[in-house]
Amino acid sequence: MHKTFLTIRRLADLDTRLFLSINAVHDRLRLQRFSRAVSWSGDGYCYALIALVLPFLYASGERWLIAGLLGFLIELPVYWMLKNAFRRRRPFDVVRALHPVLRPSDEFSFPSGHTTAAFMVACITTFHFPALAVPMYMWATAIGLSRVVLKVHFVSDILAGMFIGTGIAMLSLWLIGL
C-alpha cells in the first residue's frame, strides 16, 4: 500500500512539473488568444456545424453523423461518471499561485472533456475521411494542449481524454457495424 501511494505521488509530481513547463513556454510565447480560440473550437459549436454540413456534401457523411451521435451518447455519460468518480481538483486549485485563463464549465479536472470529444470526432472523421487524419489529429491535440495552457487541466487529464475519446470512437464504429 505504501509503495502504491509513493508511485501515485511521483506521477502527480511529474504531472505538475509537465503542466508548469508547458505553461512556462506558453507564457514566453504569449499564445493566450490562440489557445482560447482553439479551446473554443472544442466547445461543441464546430461539431454541430460539421454535422449539419457533412451529410449533405458526402455520401459517407450520414454514416459519420450516426457514428458521431452514438459516440456522443456514450461519451457524455462516461465523461460525467469519470469526472464525479475521480473528483480531481483542477490545476489552479492545486497550485494556488495560478489563475485560470477561463472558468471551466464544471468543477473537476479528470478527464478532459474537450480532449475526449475532440479525439472521438477525429477518430470517427479519420475512419470516414482518411485524407483528413493529419489535420483532425493536429486539431484534437491542439485542443488538449490549449486546455493545459489555459490552466484548467493537467497533462494526464489530456492523455486520458485522448485514450477515452479514441476508445469511444472505436466502440461506436463497431456498434454500428463499420
N, C-alpha and C. Protein backbone atom coordinates (compact mmCIF):
# COMPACT_ATOMS: atom_id res chain seq x y z
N MET A 1 0.82 -1.19 0.00
CA MET A 1 0.00 0.00 0.00
C MET A 1 0.86 1.25 0.00
N HIS A 2 1.90 1.28 0.84
CA HIS A 2 2.78 2.43 0.94
C HIS A 2 3.50 2.67 -0.39
N LYS A 3 3.94 1.59 -1.05
CA LYS A 3 4.63 1.70 -2.33
C LYS A 3 3.71 2.27 -3.41
N THR A 4 2.46 1.86 -3.39
CA THR A 4 1.48 2.37 -4.35
C THR A 4 1.26 3.86 -4.16
N PHE A 5 1.16 4.29 -2.92
CA PHE A 5 0.97 5.71 -2.63
C PHE A 5 2.15 6.52 -3.15
N LEU A 6 3.37 6.04 -2.95
CA LEU A 6 4.56 6.75 -3.43
C LEU A 6 4.58 6.83 -4.95
N THR A 7 4.17 5.77 -5.62
CA THR A 7 4.13 5.78 -7.08
C THR A 7 3.11 6.80 -7.57
N ILE A 8 1.94 6.82 -6.95
CA ILE A 8 0.90 7.79 -7.33
C ILE A 8 1.39 9.21 -7.07
N ARG A 9 2.06 9.40 -5.95
CA ARG A 9 2.59 10.73 -5.60
C ARG A 9 3.63 11.18 -6.62
N ARG A 10 4.50 10.26 -7.05
CA ARG A 10 5.51 10.60 -8.06
C ARG A 10 4.87 10.96 -9.40
N LEU A 11 3.84 10.21 -9.78
CA LEU A 11 3.13 10.52 -11.02
C LEU A 11 2.46 11.89 -10.94
N ALA A 12 1.88 12.21 -9.79
CA ALA A 12 1.24 13.51 -9.61
C ALA A 12 2.28 14.63 -9.68
N ASP A 13 3.44 14.40 -9.08
CA ASP A 13 4.51 15.39 -9.13
C ASP A 13 5.00 15.61 -10.57
N LEU A 14 5.16 14.51 -11.31
CA LEU A 14 5.56 14.60 -12.71
C LEU A 14 4.51 15.37 -13.51
N ASP A 15 3.26 15.07 -13.28
CA ASP A 15 2.16 15.74 -13.96
C ASP A 15 2.20 17.25 -13.69
N THR A 16 2.44 17.63 -12.45
CA THR A 16 2.52 19.04 -12.08
C THR A 16 3.70 19.71 -12.76
N ARG A 17 4.86 19.04 -12.78
CA ARG A 17 6.05 19.61 -13.44
C ARG A 17 5.82 19.79 -14.93
N LEU A 18 5.19 18.80 -15.59
CA LEU A 18 4.87 18.93 -17.01
C LEU A 18 3.93 20.11 -17.25
N PHE A 19 2.92 20.20 -16.42
CA PHE A 19 1.96 21.30 -16.52
C PHE A 19 2.67 22.65 -16.42
N LEU A 20 3.52 22.80 -15.41
CA LEU A 20 4.23 24.06 -15.20
C LEU A 20 5.21 24.35 -16.34
N SER A 21 5.86 23.33 -16.88
CA SER A 21 6.78 23.52 -18.00
C SER A 21 6.06 24.00 -19.25
N ILE A 22 4.94 23.36 -19.57
CA ILE A 22 4.15 23.78 -20.74
C ILE A 22 3.68 25.22 -20.56
N ASN A 23 3.25 25.57 -19.36
CA ASN A 23 2.78 26.92 -19.13
C ASN A 23 3.90 27.95 -19.13
N ALA A 24 5.11 27.55 -18.76
CA ALA A 24 6.25 28.47 -18.84
C ALA A 24 6.54 28.81 -20.31
N VAL A 25 6.49 27.81 -21.19
CA VAL A 25 6.68 28.06 -22.62
C VAL A 25 5.56 28.95 -23.15
N HIS A 26 4.34 28.63 -22.77
CA HIS A 26 3.19 29.43 -23.20
C HIS A 26 3.33 30.88 -22.78
N ASP A 27 3.76 31.11 -21.55
CA ASP A 27 3.89 32.48 -21.06
C ASP A 27 4.91 33.26 -21.87
N ARG A 28 5.99 32.59 -22.29
CA ARG A 28 7.01 33.26 -23.11
C ARG A 28 6.52 33.54 -24.52
N LEU A 29 5.72 32.63 -25.08
CA LEU A 29 5.25 32.79 -26.46
C LEU A 29 3.97 33.61 -26.58
N ARG A 30 3.31 33.85 -25.45
CA ARG A 30 2.09 34.66 -25.42
C ARG A 30 1.02 34.13 -26.40
N LEU A 31 0.63 32.91 -26.16
CA LEU A 31 -0.33 32.24 -27.03
C LEU A 31 -1.75 32.21 -26.45
N GLN A 32 -2.03 33.13 -25.55
CA GLN A 32 -3.31 33.07 -24.84
C GLN A 32 -4.51 33.19 -25.78
N ARG A 33 -4.50 34.15 -26.71
CA ARG A 33 -5.63 34.31 -27.64
C ARG A 33 -5.80 33.08 -28.52
N PHE A 34 -4.68 32.59 -29.03
CA PHE A 34 -4.72 31.40 -29.87
C PHE A 34 -5.26 30.21 -29.08
N SER A 35 -4.80 30.04 -27.86
CA SER A 35 -5.25 28.93 -27.01
C SER A 35 -6.74 29.03 -26.71
N ARG A 36 -7.23 30.23 -26.47
CA ARG A 36 -8.65 30.42 -26.23
C ARG A 36 -9.47 30.03 -27.46
N ALA A 37 -8.99 30.45 -28.65
CA ALA A 37 -9.71 30.15 -29.89
C ALA A 37 -9.73 28.65 -30.16
N VAL A 38 -8.60 28.00 -29.95
CA VAL A 38 -8.53 26.55 -30.16
C VAL A 38 -9.45 25.83 -29.17
N SER A 39 -9.40 26.23 -27.93
CA SER A 39 -10.26 25.63 -26.91
C SER A 39 -11.73 25.84 -27.26
N TRP A 40 -12.08 27.05 -27.70
CA TRP A 40 -13.46 27.34 -28.08
C TRP A 40 -13.92 26.43 -29.21
N SER A 41 -13.01 26.09 -30.13
CA SER A 41 -13.40 25.22 -31.25
C SER A 41 -13.79 23.83 -30.77
N GLY A 42 -13.43 23.48 -29.54
CA GLY A 42 -13.82 22.20 -28.96
C GLY A 42 -15.02 22.29 -28.05
N ASP A 43 -15.68 23.45 -27.99
CA ASP A 43 -16.85 23.62 -27.12
C ASP A 43 -18.10 22.92 -27.64
N GLY A 44 -18.11 22.54 -28.91
CA GLY A 44 -19.26 21.84 -29.46
C GLY A 44 -19.87 22.50 -30.68
N TYR A 45 -19.64 23.79 -30.83
CA TYR A 45 -20.22 24.52 -31.95
C TYR A 45 -19.70 23.99 -33.29
N CYS A 46 -18.41 23.72 -33.35
CA CYS A 46 -17.82 23.20 -34.59
C CYS A 46 -18.36 21.82 -34.92
N TYR A 47 -18.57 20.99 -33.90
CA TYR A 47 -19.13 19.66 -34.14
C TYR A 47 -20.52 19.78 -34.76
N ALA A 48 -21.33 20.69 -34.22
CA ALA A 48 -22.68 20.88 -34.74
C ALA A 48 -22.64 21.39 -36.18
N LEU A 49 -21.75 22.31 -36.46
CA LEU A 49 -21.63 22.84 -37.82
C LEU A 49 -21.21 21.75 -38.81
N ILE A 50 -20.21 20.96 -38.43
CA ILE A 50 -19.76 19.86 -39.28
C ILE A 50 -20.90 18.85 -39.48
N ALA A 51 -21.66 18.58 -38.43
CA ALA A 51 -22.77 17.62 -38.51
C ALA A 51 -23.87 18.12 -39.44
N LEU A 52 -24.01 19.42 -39.56
CA LEU A 52 -25.01 19.98 -40.46
C LEU A 52 -24.56 19.96 -41.92
N VAL A 53 -23.24 20.00 -42.13
CA VAL A 53 -22.71 20.12 -43.49
C VAL A 53 -22.32 18.78 -44.12
N LEU A 54 -21.57 17.96 -43.40
CA LEU A 54 -21.04 16.73 -43.98
C LEU A 54 -22.08 15.79 -44.61
N PRO A 55 -23.20 15.54 -43.97
CA PRO A 55 -24.17 14.61 -44.58
C PRO A 55 -24.69 15.08 -45.94
N PHE A 56 -24.65 16.38 -46.19
CA PHE A 56 -25.13 16.90 -47.47
C PHE A 56 -24.02 16.93 -48.53
N LEU A 57 -22.78 16.93 -48.11
CA LEU A 57 -21.66 17.02 -49.05
C LEU A 57 -21.13 15.66 -49.50
N TYR A 58 -21.20 14.67 -48.63
CA TYR A 58 -20.59 13.38 -48.91
C TYR A 58 -21.56 12.24 -48.59
N ALA A 59 -21.48 11.20 -49.40
CA ALA A 59 -22.34 10.03 -49.17
C ALA A 59 -22.05 9.40 -47.81
N SER A 60 -20.79 9.37 -47.42
CA SER A 60 -20.44 8.76 -46.12
C SER A 60 -20.68 9.72 -44.95
N GLY A 61 -21.12 10.94 -45.25
CA GLY A 61 -21.39 11.91 -44.20
C GLY A 61 -22.51 11.47 -43.27
N GLU A 62 -23.48 10.74 -43.82
CA GLU A 62 -24.58 10.24 -42.98
C GLU A 62 -24.07 9.19 -41.99
N ARG A 63 -23.20 8.30 -42.46
CA ARG A 63 -22.63 7.28 -41.55
C ARG A 63 -21.75 7.96 -40.50
N TRP A 64 -21.02 9.00 -40.92
CA TRP A 64 -20.21 9.78 -39.98
C TRP A 64 -21.10 10.37 -38.89
N LEU A 65 -22.23 10.94 -39.30
CA LEU A 65 -23.15 11.55 -38.36
C LEU A 65 -23.71 10.53 -37.38
N ILE A 66 -24.11 9.37 -37.86
CA ILE A 66 -24.65 8.32 -36.98
C ILE A 66 -23.59 7.86 -35.99
N ALA A 67 -22.37 7.63 -36.47
CA ALA A 67 -21.28 7.22 -35.57
C ALA A 67 -20.98 8.31 -34.55
N GLY A 68 -21.00 9.56 -35.00
CA GLY A 68 -20.73 10.67 -34.08
C GLY A 68 -21.81 10.83 -33.02
N LEU A 69 -23.06 10.73 -33.43
CA LEU A 69 -24.15 10.84 -32.46
C LEU A 69 -24.10 9.72 -31.43
N LEU A 70 -23.85 8.50 -31.91
CA LEU A 70 -23.73 7.37 -30.99
C LEU A 70 -22.53 7.59 -30.06
N GLY A 71 -21.43 8.08 -30.64
CA GLY A 71 -20.25 8.36 -29.83
C GLY A 71 -20.54 9.35 -28.72
N PHE A 72 -21.26 10.43 -29.05
CA PHE A 72 -21.59 11.41 -28.00
C PHE A 72 -22.58 10.85 -26.98
N LEU A 73 -23.47 9.96 -27.42
CA LEU A 73 -24.39 9.32 -26.47
C LEU A 73 -23.62 8.46 -25.45
N ILE A 74 -22.49 7.93 -25.87
CA ILE A 74 -21.65 7.14 -24.97
C ILE A 74 -20.71 8.06 -24.20
N GLU A 75 -20.10 9.00 -24.91
CA GLU A 75 -19.05 9.85 -24.32
C GLU A 75 -19.55 10.70 -23.17
N LEU A 76 -20.68 11.35 -23.32
CA LEU A 76 -21.14 12.27 -22.28
C LEU A 76 -21.39 11.59 -20.93
N PRO A 77 -22.11 10.46 -20.87
CA PRO A 77 -22.27 9.82 -19.56
C PRO A 77 -20.96 9.26 -18.99
N VAL A 78 -20.10 8.73 -19.87
CA VAL A 78 -18.81 8.21 -19.40
C VAL A 78 -17.98 9.35 -18.82
N TYR A 79 -17.94 10.47 -19.53
CA TYR A 79 -17.20 11.65 -19.08
C TYR A 79 -17.69 12.11 -17.70
N TRP A 80 -19.00 12.26 -17.53
CA TRP A 80 -19.55 12.73 -16.25
C TRP A 80 -19.32 11.71 -15.14
N MET A 81 -19.44 10.44 -15.46
CA MET A 81 -19.21 9.41 -14.45
C MET A 81 -17.75 9.46 -13.96
N LEU A 82 -16.82 9.56 -14.89
CA LEU A 82 -15.40 9.61 -14.52
C LEU A 82 -15.07 10.89 -13.75
N LYS A 83 -15.59 12.03 -14.21
CA LYS A 83 -15.34 13.30 -13.52
C LYS A 83 -15.78 13.21 -12.07
N ASN A 84 -16.96 12.68 -11.85
CA ASN A 84 -17.51 12.63 -10.50
C ASN A 84 -16.95 11.48 -9.67
N ALA A 85 -16.41 10.46 -10.32
CA ALA A 85 -15.77 9.37 -9.58
C ALA A 85 -14.39 9.78 -9.09
N PHE A 86 -13.60 10.42 -9.96
CA PHE A 86 -12.24 10.80 -9.59
C PHE A 86 -12.20 12.11 -8.80
N ARG A 87 -13.07 13.04 -9.13
CA ARG A 87 -13.16 14.33 -8.43
C ARG A 87 -11.79 15.00 -8.29
N ARG A 88 -11.01 14.95 -9.34
CA ARG A 88 -9.67 15.54 -9.30
C ARG A 88 -9.76 17.06 -9.37
N ARG A 89 -9.05 17.68 -8.47
CA ARG A 89 -9.04 19.14 -8.44
C ARG A 89 -8.31 19.69 -9.67
N ARG A 90 -8.71 20.85 -10.11
CA ARG A 90 -8.10 21.49 -11.27
C ARG A 90 -6.75 22.09 -10.88
N PRO A 91 -5.88 22.30 -11.88
CA PRO A 91 -4.54 22.82 -11.58
C PRO A 91 -4.54 24.11 -10.76
N PHE A 92 -5.45 25.02 -11.06
CA PHE A 92 -5.46 26.28 -10.32
C PHE A 92 -5.95 26.11 -8.89
N ASP A 93 -6.55 24.96 -8.57
CA ASP A 93 -6.92 24.65 -7.19
C ASP A 93 -5.76 23.97 -6.45
N VAL A 94 -4.87 23.33 -7.21
CA VAL A 94 -3.73 22.63 -6.62
C VAL A 94 -2.55 23.58 -6.45
N VAL A 95 -2.26 24.34 -7.48
CA VAL A 95 -1.16 25.31 -7.46
C VAL A 95 -1.81 26.68 -7.29
N ARG A 96 -1.92 27.12 -6.07
CA ARG A 96 -2.72 28.30 -5.73
C ARG A 96 -2.23 29.59 -6.42
N ALA A 97 -0.97 29.67 -6.81
CA ALA A 97 -0.45 30.88 -7.44
C ALA A 97 -0.97 31.04 -8.87
N LEU A 98 -1.58 29.99 -9.42
CA LEU A 98 -2.08 30.04 -10.79
C LEU A 98 -3.49 30.60 -10.83
N HIS A 99 -3.75 31.27 -11.91
CA HIS A 99 -5.10 31.76 -12.15
C HIS A 99 -5.51 31.27 -13.53
N PRO A 100 -6.65 30.60 -13.63
CA PRO A 100 -7.05 30.09 -14.94
C PRO A 100 -7.35 31.24 -15.90
N VAL A 101 -7.11 31.00 -17.17
CA VAL A 101 -7.39 31.99 -18.19
C VAL A 101 -8.88 32.07 -18.44
N LEU A 102 -9.58 30.96 -18.23
CA LEU A 102 -11.03 30.93 -18.35
C LEU A 102 -11.60 30.07 -17.25
N ARG A 103 -12.87 30.23 -16.99
CA ARG A 103 -13.53 29.42 -15.97
C ARG A 103 -14.13 28.19 -16.64
N PRO A 104 -13.71 27.01 -16.20
CA PRO A 104 -14.28 25.79 -16.79
C PRO A 104 -15.75 25.65 -16.41
N SER A 105 -16.45 24.87 -17.23
CA SER A 105 -17.89 24.72 -17.03
C SER A 105 -18.24 23.75 -15.90
N ASP A 106 -17.26 22.98 -15.43
CA ASP A 106 -17.52 22.08 -14.31
C ASP A 106 -16.37 22.15 -13.32
N GLU A 107 -16.54 21.48 -12.21
CA GLU A 107 -15.61 21.62 -11.09
C GLU A 107 -14.34 20.78 -11.20
N PHE A 108 -14.43 19.61 -11.82
CA PHE A 108 -13.32 18.67 -11.75
C PHE A 108 -12.52 18.59 -13.04
N SER A 109 -11.34 18.01 -12.93
CA SER A 109 -10.35 18.07 -13.99
C SER A 109 -10.22 16.79 -14.82
N PHE A 110 -10.39 15.65 -14.22
CA PHE A 110 -10.06 14.38 -14.89
C PHE A 110 -11.29 13.61 -15.31
N PRO A 111 -11.39 13.25 -16.58
CA PRO A 111 -10.54 13.56 -17.73
C PRO A 111 -10.97 14.86 -18.40
N SER A 112 -10.22 15.31 -19.38
CA SER A 112 -10.58 16.50 -20.13
C SER A 112 -11.70 16.16 -21.11
N GLY A 113 -12.85 16.76 -20.91
CA GLY A 113 -13.98 16.52 -21.81
C GLY A 113 -13.75 17.07 -23.20
N HIS A 114 -13.09 18.24 -23.28
CA HIS A 114 -12.78 18.81 -24.59
C HIS A 114 -11.89 17.85 -25.40
N THR A 115 -10.89 17.30 -24.72
CA THR A 115 -9.96 16.40 -25.41
C THR A 115 -10.65 15.09 -25.77
N THR A 116 -11.45 14.57 -24.86
CA THR A 116 -12.18 13.33 -25.13
C THR A 116 -13.04 13.48 -26.38
N ALA A 117 -13.83 14.54 -26.43
CA ALA A 117 -14.71 14.76 -27.59
C ALA A 117 -13.90 15.00 -28.86
N ALA A 118 -12.83 15.78 -28.77
CA ALA A 118 -12.03 16.09 -29.96
C ALA A 118 -11.39 14.84 -30.54
N PHE A 119 -10.85 13.97 -29.70
CA PHE A 119 -10.24 12.74 -30.21
C PHE A 119 -11.29 11.76 -30.71
N MET A 120 -12.45 11.76 -30.10
CA MET A 120 -13.52 10.90 -30.59
C MET A 120 -13.92 11.35 -32.01
N VAL A 121 -14.13 12.64 -32.19
CA VAL A 121 -14.52 13.17 -33.50
C VAL A 121 -13.38 12.97 -34.51
N ALA A 122 -12.14 13.18 -34.09
CA ALA A 122 -11.00 12.99 -35.01
C ALA A 122 -10.93 11.54 -35.48
N CYS A 123 -11.13 10.60 -34.58
CA CYS A 123 -11.07 9.18 -34.94
C CYS A 123 -12.21 8.79 -35.87
N ILE A 124 -13.41 9.22 -35.57
CA ILE A 124 -14.56 8.90 -36.43
C ILE A 124 -14.40 9.57 -37.80
N THR A 125 -13.94 10.80 -37.81
CA THR A 125 -13.74 11.51 -39.07
C THR A 125 -12.66 10.84 -39.91
N THR A 126 -11.58 10.43 -39.28
CA THR A 126 -10.49 9.76 -39.99
C THR A 126 -10.95 8.43 -40.58
N PHE A 127 -11.81 7.73 -39.87
CA PHE A 127 -12.33 6.46 -40.38
C PHE A 127 -13.11 6.70 -41.68
N HIS A 128 -13.92 7.74 -41.72
CA HIS A 128 -14.75 8.02 -42.90
C HIS A 128 -14.02 8.83 -43.97
N PHE A 129 -13.10 9.66 -43.56
CA PHE A 129 -12.37 10.54 -44.48
C PHE A 129 -10.88 10.47 -44.16
N PRO A 130 -10.20 9.40 -44.57
CA PRO A 130 -8.79 9.19 -44.20
C PRO A 130 -7.86 10.35 -44.57
N ALA A 131 -8.17 11.08 -45.60
CA ALA A 131 -7.32 12.20 -46.01
C ALA A 131 -7.29 13.31 -44.96
N LEU A 132 -8.26 13.31 -44.06
CA LEU A 132 -8.33 14.34 -43.02
C LEU A 132 -7.62 13.94 -41.72
N ALA A 133 -6.95 12.80 -41.72
CA ALA A 133 -6.34 12.29 -40.48
C ALA A 133 -5.36 13.29 -39.85
N VAL A 134 -4.42 13.79 -40.62
CA VAL A 134 -3.40 14.69 -40.05
C VAL A 134 -4.03 15.97 -39.51
N PRO A 135 -4.84 16.70 -40.29
CA PRO A 135 -5.41 17.93 -39.71
C PRO A 135 -6.35 17.66 -38.52
N MET A 136 -7.11 16.57 -38.56
CA MET A 136 -8.02 16.29 -37.46
C MET A 136 -7.27 15.97 -36.17
N TYR A 137 -6.23 15.15 -36.27
CA TYR A 137 -5.47 14.81 -35.06
C TYR A 137 -4.63 15.98 -34.57
N MET A 138 -4.17 16.82 -35.49
CA MET A 138 -3.46 18.04 -35.06
C MET A 138 -4.41 18.96 -34.30
N TRP A 139 -5.62 19.10 -34.82
CA TRP A 139 -6.63 19.93 -34.17
C TRP A 139 -6.99 19.37 -32.79
N ALA A 140 -7.22 18.07 -32.71
CA ALA A 140 -7.57 17.44 -31.43
C ALA A 140 -6.44 17.62 -30.42
N THR A 141 -5.20 17.44 -30.87
CA THR A 141 -4.04 17.62 -29.99
C THR A 141 -3.95 19.07 -29.53
N ALA A 142 -4.18 20.00 -30.45
CA ALA A 142 -4.14 21.42 -30.09
C ALA A 142 -5.21 21.76 -29.06
N ILE A 143 -6.38 21.15 -29.17
CA ILE A 143 -7.43 21.38 -28.17
C ILE A 143 -6.95 20.90 -26.81
N GLY A 144 -6.37 19.70 -26.76
CA GLY A 144 -5.85 19.19 -25.49
C GLY A 144 -4.79 20.10 -24.89
N LEU A 145 -3.82 20.50 -25.71
CA LEU A 145 -2.75 21.38 -25.21
C LEU A 145 -3.30 22.73 -24.77
N SER A 146 -4.31 23.23 -25.50
CA SER A 146 -4.88 24.52 -25.12
C SER A 146 -5.49 24.46 -23.73
N ARG A 147 -6.04 23.33 -23.36
CA ARG A 147 -6.65 23.18 -22.04
C ARG A 147 -5.60 23.23 -20.93
N VAL A 148 -4.39 22.74 -21.23
CA VAL A 148 -3.28 22.83 -20.27
C VAL A 148 -2.81 24.28 -20.20
N VAL A 149 -2.64 24.91 -21.36
CA VAL A 149 -2.17 26.28 -21.43
C VAL A 149 -3.15 27.25 -20.75
N LEU A 150 -4.42 26.94 -20.83
CA LEU A 150 -5.42 27.79 -20.18
C LEU A 150 -5.54 27.51 -18.68
N LYS A 151 -4.72 26.58 -18.21
CA LYS A 151 -4.57 26.26 -16.79
C LYS A 151 -5.79 25.59 -16.17
N VAL A 152 -6.54 24.83 -16.99
CA VAL A 152 -7.71 24.15 -16.45
C VAL A 152 -7.55 22.63 -16.42
N HIS A 153 -6.44 22.10 -16.99
CA HIS A 153 -6.20 20.66 -16.98
C HIS A 153 -4.72 20.35 -16.81
N PHE A 154 -4.47 19.21 -16.18
CA PHE A 154 -3.13 18.64 -16.13
C PHE A 154 -2.90 17.82 -17.41
N VAL A 155 -1.65 17.49 -17.67
CA VAL A 155 -1.30 16.71 -18.86
C VAL A 155 -1.97 15.33 -18.81
N SER A 156 -2.03 14.71 -17.65
CA SER A 156 -2.65 13.38 -17.55
C SER A 156 -4.15 13.43 -17.86
N ASP A 157 -4.81 14.55 -17.59
CA ASP A 157 -6.22 14.71 -17.96
C ASP A 157 -6.37 14.64 -19.48
N ILE A 158 -5.40 15.25 -20.17
CA ILE A 158 -5.41 15.29 -21.63
C ILE A 158 -5.12 13.89 -22.19
N LEU A 159 -4.11 13.23 -21.64
CA LEU A 159 -3.78 11.88 -22.11
C LEU A 159 -4.96 10.93 -21.91
N ALA A 160 -5.61 11.03 -20.78
CA ALA A 160 -6.79 10.19 -20.53
C ALA A 160 -7.88 10.50 -21.55
N GLY A 161 -8.11 11.77 -21.83
CA GLY A 161 -9.11 12.17 -22.81
C GLY A 161 -8.80 11.62 -24.20
N MET A 162 -7.52 11.61 -24.56
CA MET A 162 -7.11 11.06 -25.86
C MET A 162 -7.50 9.59 -25.95
N PHE A 163 -7.15 8.82 -24.94
CA PHE A 163 -7.43 7.38 -24.95
C PHE A 163 -8.93 7.09 -24.86
N ILE A 164 -9.62 7.79 -23.99
CA ILE A 164 -11.06 7.56 -23.82
C ILE A 164 -11.81 7.94 -25.09
N GLY A 165 -11.50 9.09 -25.65
CA GLY A 165 -12.16 9.53 -26.87
C GLY A 165 -11.94 8.58 -28.03
N THR A 166 -10.71 8.12 -28.19
CA THR A 166 -10.40 7.17 -29.26
C THR A 166 -11.12 5.85 -29.03
N GLY A 167 -11.14 5.39 -27.79
CA GLY A 167 -11.83 4.14 -27.47
C GLY A 167 -13.33 4.22 -27.71
N ILE A 168 -13.92 5.34 -27.35
CA ILE A 168 -15.36 5.52 -27.57
C ILE A 168 -15.67 5.59 -29.06
N ALA A 169 -14.81 6.24 -29.82
CA ALA A 169 -14.99 6.30 -31.28
C ALA A 169 -14.95 4.90 -31.87
N MET A 170 -13.98 4.12 -31.46
CA MET A 170 -13.86 2.75 -31.99
C MET A 170 -15.06 1.91 -31.58
N LEU A 171 -15.53 2.09 -30.35
CA LEU A 171 -16.72 1.38 -29.88
C LEU A 171 -17.94 1.77 -30.71
N SER A 172 -18.13 3.05 -30.94
CA SER A 172 -19.31 3.48 -31.69
C SER A 172 -19.26 2.98 -33.13
N LEU A 173 -18.08 2.99 -33.75
CA LEU A 173 -17.93 2.45 -35.11
C LEU A 173 -18.24 0.94 -35.13
N TRP A 174 -17.77 0.25 -34.11
CA TRP A 174 -18.02 -1.19 -34.02
C TRP A 174 -19.51 -1.47 -33.79
N LEU A 175 -20.15 -0.67 -32.93
CA LEU A 175 -21.57 -0.90 -32.64
C LEU A 175 -22.47 -0.71 -33.86
N ILE A 176 -22.09 0.19 -34.74
CA ILE A 176 -22.92 0.39 -35.93
C ILE A 176 -22.43 -0.45 -37.11
N GLY A 177 -21.45 -1.31 -36.85
CA GLY A 177 -21.02 -2.26 -37.86
C GLY A 177 -20.09 -1.72 -38.92
N LEU A 178 -19.33 -0.69 -38.59
CA LEU A 178 -18.36 -0.15 -39.56
C LEU A 178 -16.95 -0.64 -39.28
